[in-house]
C-alpha atoms as a PDB file:
ATOM      1  CA  MET A   1       4.735 -16.749  -7.964  1.00  0.00           C
ATOM      2  CA  ASP A   2       1.924 -17.868 -10.406  1.00  0.00           C
ATOM      3  CA  PHE A   3      -1.377 -17.965  -9.078  1.00  0.00           C
ATOM      4  CA  GLN A   4      -4.497 -19.079 -10.969  1.00  0.00           C
ATOM      5  CA  ARG A   5      -6.876 -16.699  -9.170  1.00  0.00           C
ATOM      6  CA  ARG A   6      -7.066 -13.027  -9.963  1.00  0.00           C
ATOM      7  CA  THR A   7      -7.548 -12.329  -5.830  1.00  0.00           C
ATOM      8  CA  PRO A   8      -4.352 -13.810  -4.784  1.00  0.00           C
ATOM      9  CA  LEU A   9      -2.485 -12.124  -7.747  1.00  0.00           C
ATOM     10  CA  LEU A  10      -3.835  -8.650  -6.806  1.00  0.00           C
ATOM     11  CA  LEU A  11      -2.676  -9.331  -3.337  1.00  0.00           C
ATOM     12  CA  HIS A  12       0.896 -10.322  -4.725  1.00  0.00           C
ATOM     13  CA  ASP A  13       1.062  -7.148  -6.473  1.00  0.00           C
ATOM     14  CA  ASP A  14       0.149  -4.983  -3.636  1.00  0.00           C
ATOM     15  CA  HIS A  15       2.942  -7.012  -1.548  1.00  0.00           C
ATOM     16  CA  GLN A  16       5.515  -6.183  -4.274  1.00  0.00           C
ATOM     17  CA  ALA A  17       4.400  -2.355  -4.273  1.00  0.00           C
ATOM     18  CA  THR A  18       4.836  -2.498  -0.374  1.00  0.00           C
ATOM     19  CA  ILE A  19       8.211  -4.106  -0.713  1.00  0.00           C
ATOM     20  CA  ARG A  20       9.377  -1.399  -3.043  1.00  0.00           C
ATOM     21  CA  VAL A  21       8.076   1.355  -0.649  1.00  0.00           C
ATOM     22  CA  ILE A  22      10.039  -0.453   2.355  1.00  0.00           C
ATOM     23  CA  GLU A  23      13.014  -1.053   0.284  1.00  0.00           C
ATOM     24  CA  ALA A  24      13.253   2.730  -0.496  1.00  0.00           C
ATOM     25  CA  LEU A  25      12.736   3.541   3.188  1.00  0.00           C
ATOM     26  CA  ASP A  26      15.627   0.782   4.232  1.00  0.00           C
ATOM     27  CA  GLN A  27      17.890   2.730   1.540  1.00  0.00           C
ATOM     28  CA  LEU A  28      17.231   6.230   2.904  1.00  0.00           C
ATOM     29  CA  ILE A  29      18.080   4.786   6.384  1.00  0.00           C
ATOM     30  CA  ALA A  30      21.163   2.914   5.254  1.00  0.00           C
ATOM     31  CA  LYS A  31      22.256   5.872   3.451  1.00  0.00           C
ATOM     32  CA  ALA A  32      21.788   8.448   5.924  1.00  0.00           C
ATOM     33  CA  ARG A  33      22.758   6.156   8.963  1.00  0.00           C
ATOM     34  CA  ARG A  34      23.158   8.275  12.002  1.00  0.00           C
ATOM     35  CA  LYS A  35      22.953  11.640  10.188  1.00  0.00           C
ATOM     36  CA  ALA A  36      19.623  12.887   9.533  1.00  0.00           C
ATOM     37  CA  PRO A  37      18.936  13.076   5.640  1.00  0.00           C
ATOM     38  CA  ASP A  38      18.364  16.493   4.216  1.00  0.00           C
ATOM     39  CA  THR A  39      14.533  16.757   3.581  1.00  0.00           C
ATOM     40  CA  SER A  40      15.026  19.399   0.951  1.00  0.00           C
ATOM     41  CA  ASP A  41      16.492  16.550  -1.314  1.00  0.00           C
ATOM     42  CA  PRO A  42      13.834  15.743  -3.696  1.00  0.00           C
ATOM     43  CA  ALA A  43      14.652  11.833  -3.407  1.00  0.00           C
ATOM     44  CA  VAL A  44      14.483  12.059   0.427  1.00  0.00           C
ATOM     45  CA  MET A  45      11.239  13.933   0.130  1.00  0.00           C
ATOM     46  CA  LYS A  46       9.807  11.567  -2.514  1.00  0.00           C
ATOM     47  CA  THR A  47      10.621   8.312  -0.188  1.00  0.00           C
ATOM     48  CA  LEU A  48       9.104  10.060   2.699  1.00  0.00           C
ATOM     49  CA  GLN A  49       5.937  11.150   0.558  1.00  0.00           C
ATOM     50  CA  VAL A  50       5.454   7.727  -0.936  1.00  0.00           C
ATOM     51  CA  ALA A  51       6.138   5.901   2.327  1.00  0.00           C
ATOM     52  CA  SER A  52       3.620   7.987   4.512  1.00  0.00           C
ATOM     53  CA  GLY A  53       0.557   7.537   1.854  1.00  0.00           C
ATOM     54  CA  SER A  54       1.384   3.975   1.047  1.00  0.00           C
ATOM     55  CA  ILE A  55       1.766   2.825   4.733  1.00  0.00           C
ATOM     56  CA  GLU A  56      -1.207   4.491   5.938  1.00  0.00           C
ATOM     57  CA  GLU A  57      -3.867   4.141   3.303  1.00  0.00           C
ATOM     58  CA  GLU A  58      -2.736   0.849   1.195  1.00  0.00           C
ATOM     59  CA  VAL A  59      -1.693  -1.096   4.206  1.00  0.00           C
ATOM     60  CA  SER A  60      -4.764  -0.208   6.242  1.00  0.00           C
ATOM     61  CA  GLU A  61      -7.107  -1.152   3.303  1.00  0.00           C
ATOM     62  CA  HIS A  62      -5.056  -4.291   2.380  1.00  0.00           C
ATOM     63  CA  PHE A  63      -5.416  -5.676   6.077  1.00  0.00           C
ATOM     64  CA  THR A  64      -9.039  -4.536   6.262  1.00  0.00           C
ATOM     65  CA  PHE A  65      -9.773  -6.736   3.313  1.00  0.00           C
ATOM     66  CA  GLU A  66      -7.796  -9.914   4.383  1.00  0.00           C
ATOM     67  CA  GLU A  67      -9.513  -9.647   7.653  1.00  0.00           C
ATOM     68  CA  GLN A  68     -12.947  -8.943   6.698  1.00  0.00           C
ATOM     69  CA  GLU A  69     -13.060 -11.003   3.269  1.00  0.00           C
ATOM     70  CA  LEU A  70     -10.269 -13.624   3.358  1.00  0.00           C
ATOM     71  CA  PHE A  71      -9.399 -14.749   6.824  1.00  0.00           C
ATOM     72  CA  THR A  72     -13.251 -15.143   7.556  1.00  0.00           C
ATOM     73  CA  ARG A  73     -13.592 -17.485   4.451  1.00  0.00           C
ATOM     74  CA  LEU A  74     -10.540 -19.586   5.349  1.00  0.00           C
ATOM     75  CA  GLU A  75     -11.923 -19.910   9.038  1.00  0.00           C
ATOM     76  CA  GLU A  76     -15.417 -21.191   7.587  1.00  0.00           C
ATOM     77  CA  MET A  77     -13.342 -23.966   5.846  1.00  0.00           C
ATOM     78  CA  GLY A  78     -11.602 -24.834   9.046  1.00  0.00           C
ATOM     79  CA  ASP A  79      -8.129 -23.249   8.762  1.00  0.00           C
ATOM     80  CA  VAL A  80      -8.244 -20.813  11.684  1.00  0.00           C
ATOM     81  CA  GLY A  81      -4.602 -20.757  12.356  1.00  0.00           C
ATOM     82  CA  ILE A  82      -3.462 -18.395   9.355  1.00  0.00           C
ATOM     83  CA  GLY A  83      -6.060 -15.792  10.173  1.00  0.00           C
ATOM     84  CA  GLN A  84      -5.262 -15.448  13.894  1.00  0.00           C
ATOM     85  CA  HIS A  85      -1.570 -15.299  13.281  1.00  0.00           C
ATOM     86  CA  LEU A  86      -1.753 -12.820  10.517  1.00  0.00           C
ATOM     87  CA  ARG A  87      -4.367 -10.793  12.320  1.00  0.00           C
ATOM     88  CA  SER A  88      -2.093 -10.618  15.527  1.00  0.00           C
ATOM     89  CA  GLU A  89       0.631  -9.367  13.202  1.00  0.00           C
ATOM     90  CA  HIS A  90      -1.804  -6.781  11.608  1.00  0.00           C
ATOM     91  CA  ARG A  91      -2.457  -5.310  15.018  1.00  0.00           C
ATOM     92  CA  ALA A  92       1.215  -4.685  15.574  1.00  0.00           C
ATOM     93  CA  LEU A  93       1.911  -3.635  12.130  1.00  0.00           C
ATOM     94  CA  LEU A  94      -0.618  -1.018  11.712  1.00  0.00           C
ATOM     95  CA  PRO A  95      -0.082   1.393  14.686  1.00  0.00           C
ATOM     96  CA  LEU A  96       3.710   1.133  13.915  1.00  0.00           C
ATOM     97  CA  GLY A  97       2.856   2.059  10.375  1.00  0.00           C
ATOM     98  CA  GLN A  98       0.716   4.753  11.304  1.00  0.00           C
ATOM     99  CA  ALA A  99       3.579   6.141  13.698  1.00  0.00           C
ATOM    100  CA  VAL A 100       6.114   5.807  10.802  1.00  0.00           C
ATOM    101  CA  ALA A 101       3.774   7.673   8.209  1.00  0.00           C
ATOM    102  CA  LYS A 102       2.902  10.654  10.928  1.00  0.00           C
ATOM    103  CA  MET A 103       6.799  10.808  11.326  1.00  0.00           C
ATOM    104  CA  ALA A 104       7.323  11.187   7.596  1.00  0.00           C
ATOM    105  CA  ARG A 105       4.739  13.778   7.133  1.00  0.00           C
ATOM    106  CA  GLU A 106       6.220  15.817  10.203  1.00  0.00           C
ATOM    107  CA  ALA A 107       9.544  15.476   8.580  1.00  0.00           C
ATOM    108  CA  MET A 108       8.259  16.767   5.297  1.00  0.00           C
ATOM    109  CA  GLU A 109       6.893  19.711   7.028  1.00  0.00           C
ATOM    110  CA  ASP A 110       9.739  20.543   9.344  1.00  0.00           C
ATOM    111  CA  GLY A 111      12.667  18.428   8.444  1.00  0.00           C
ATOM    112  CA  PHE A 112      14.516  15.892  10.736  1.00  0.00           C
ATOM    113  CA  SER A 113      16.128  17.129  14.297  1.00  0.00           C
ATOM    114  CA  ASP A 114      18.532  15.300  16.370  1.00  0.00           C
ATOM    115  CA  GLN A 115      15.434  13.923  18.173  1.00  0.00           C
ATOM    116  CA  THR A 116      13.050  13.188  15.453  1.00  0.00           C
ATOM    117  CA  TRP A 117      15.648  11.299  13.148  1.00  0.00           C
ATOM    118  CA  PRO A 118      16.778   8.774  15.324  1.00  0.00           C
ATOM    119  CA  ALA A 119      12.946   8.090  16.434  1.00  0.00           C
ATOM    120  CA  PHE A 120      11.933   7.802  12.796  1.00  0.00           C
ATOM    121  CA  ARG A 121      15.002   5.515  11.909  1.00  0.00           C
ATOM    122  CA  ASN A 122      14.152   3.095  14.731  1.00  0.00           C
ATOM    123  CA  ALA A 123      10.557   2.804  14.065  1.00  0.00           C
ATOM    124  CA  ALA A 124      10.909   2.637  10.395  1.00  0.00           C
ATOM    125  CA  GLY A 125      13.535  -0.157  10.923  1.00  0.00           C
ATOM    126  CA  GLU A 126      11.257  -2.051  12.985  1.00  0.00           C
ATOM    127  CA  LEU A 127       8.364  -1.559  10.437  1.00  0.00           C
ATOM    128  CA  ILE A 128      10.632  -2.731   7.611  1.00  0.00           C
ATOM    129  CA  GLU A 129      11.974  -5.996   9.443  1.00  0.00           C
ATOM    130  CA  ARG A 130       8.189  -6.784  10.311  1.00  0.00           C
ATOM    131  CA  MET A 131       6.818  -6.022   7.307  1.00  0.00           C
ATOM    132  CA  PHE A 132       9.113  -8.258   5.237  1.00  0.00           C
ATOM    133  CA  ALA A 133       8.528 -11.085   7.500  1.00  0.00           C
ATOM    134  CA  HIS A 134       4.766 -10.515   7.261  1.00  0.00           C
ATOM    135  CA  ILE A 135       4.623 -10.321   3.575  1.00  0.00           C
ATOM    136  CA  GLN A 136       6.759 -13.474   3.236  1.00  0.00           C
ATOM    137  CA  LYS A 137       4.351 -15.360   5.444  1.00  0.00           C
ATOM    138  CA  GLU A 138       1.308 -14.235   3.416  1.00  0.00           C
ATOM    139  CA  GLU A 139       3.210 -15.225   0.174  1.00  0.00           C
ATOM    140  CA  MET A 140       3.920 -18.635   1.433  1.00  0.00           C
ATOM    141  CA  ALA A 141       0.875 -19.484   3.379  1.00  0.00           C
ATOM    142  CA  LEU A 142      -2.052 -17.229   2.626  1.00  0.00           C
ATOM    143  CA  LEU A 143      -1.921 -16.742  -1.185  1.00  0.00           C
ATOM    144  CA  PRO A 144      -1.301 -20.449  -2.035  1.00  0.00           C
ATOM    145  CA  ALA A 145      -4.328 -21.326   0.313  1.00  0.00           C
ATOM    146  CA  LEU A 146      -6.400 -18.602  -1.518  1.00  0.00           C
ATOM    147  CA  ASP A 147      -5.814 -19.857  -4.905  1.00  0.00           C
ATOM    148  CA  ASP A 148      -6.879 -23.318  -3.911  1.00  0.00           C
ATOM    149  CA  LEU A 149      -9.716 -22.089  -1.815  1.00  0.00           C
ATOM    150  CA  LEU A 150     -11.590 -19.634  -4.138  1.00  0.00           C
ATOM    151  CA  ASP A 151     -13.861 -20.797  -6.926  1.00  0.00           C
ATOM    152  CA  PRO A 152     -14.032 -18.730 -10.086  1.00  0.00           C
ATOM    153  CA  GLU A 153     -17.282 -16.789  -8.993  1.00  0.00           C
ATOM    154  CA  THR A 154     -16.133 -15.972  -5.647  1.00  0.00           C
ATOM    155  CA  ASP A 155     -12.715 -15.047  -7.082  1.00  0.00           C
ATOM    156  CA  MET A 156     -14.269 -12.561  -9.231  1.00  0.00           C
ATOM    157  CA  GLU A 157     -16.354 -11.105  -6.492  1.00  0.00           C
ATOM    158  CA  LEU A 158     -13.390 -10.532  -4.275  1.00  0.00           C
ATOM    159  CA  SER A 159     -10.929  -9.315  -6.682  1.00  0.00           C
ATOM    160  CA  THR A 160     -13.465  -6.802  -8.373  1.00  0.00           C
ATOM    161  CA  ALA A 161     -14.455  -5.608  -4.892  1.00  0.00           C
ATOM    162  CA  TYR A 162     -10.724  -5.086  -4.113  1.00  0.00           C
ATOM    163  CA  ALA A 163      -9.766  -3.298  -7.401  1.00  0.00           C
ATOM    164  CA  ASP A 164     -12.667  -1.017  -7.074  1.00  0.00           C
ATOM    165  CA  LYS A 165     -11.137  -0.001  -3.429  1.00  0.00           C
ATOM    166  CA  HIS A 166      -7.877   0.605  -5.116  1.00  0.00           C
ATOM    167  CA  ALA A 167      -9.085   2.523  -8.280  1.00  0.00           C
END
């Protein structure tokens, strides 16, 4: 998508990075299927490592920024629906993401067992499905609304604050 403002562009870039992470998780699950993947495999370890860090840190910061800085501005302009809906999705995604990140860290330390692999596979599968849908909603509704809403000064202020948190 082509955005005129820097803030939606930064969020779009974050979405693309998140999609790469959840696609890697999805590939890990698809390749392993019912049999737990070998965590001594460097590719498996890298996927778990990137997923655990990205999900827990990046998504949490991304959600917080949206809720504190963006949804409130949309609401002040009279658009309450987008923020309410996306906040409710954040409340579901964040604990699910934290659980997947925790299971990924445990698997990096101890490997997967016959009990932990199905739990991880199911939780990660749910996260993947929900996250894809959530990102699509933000790309189709939130980011274009921000592109229209933000004036150049506010955009610079918000994008600089967001970029500083991710530096």
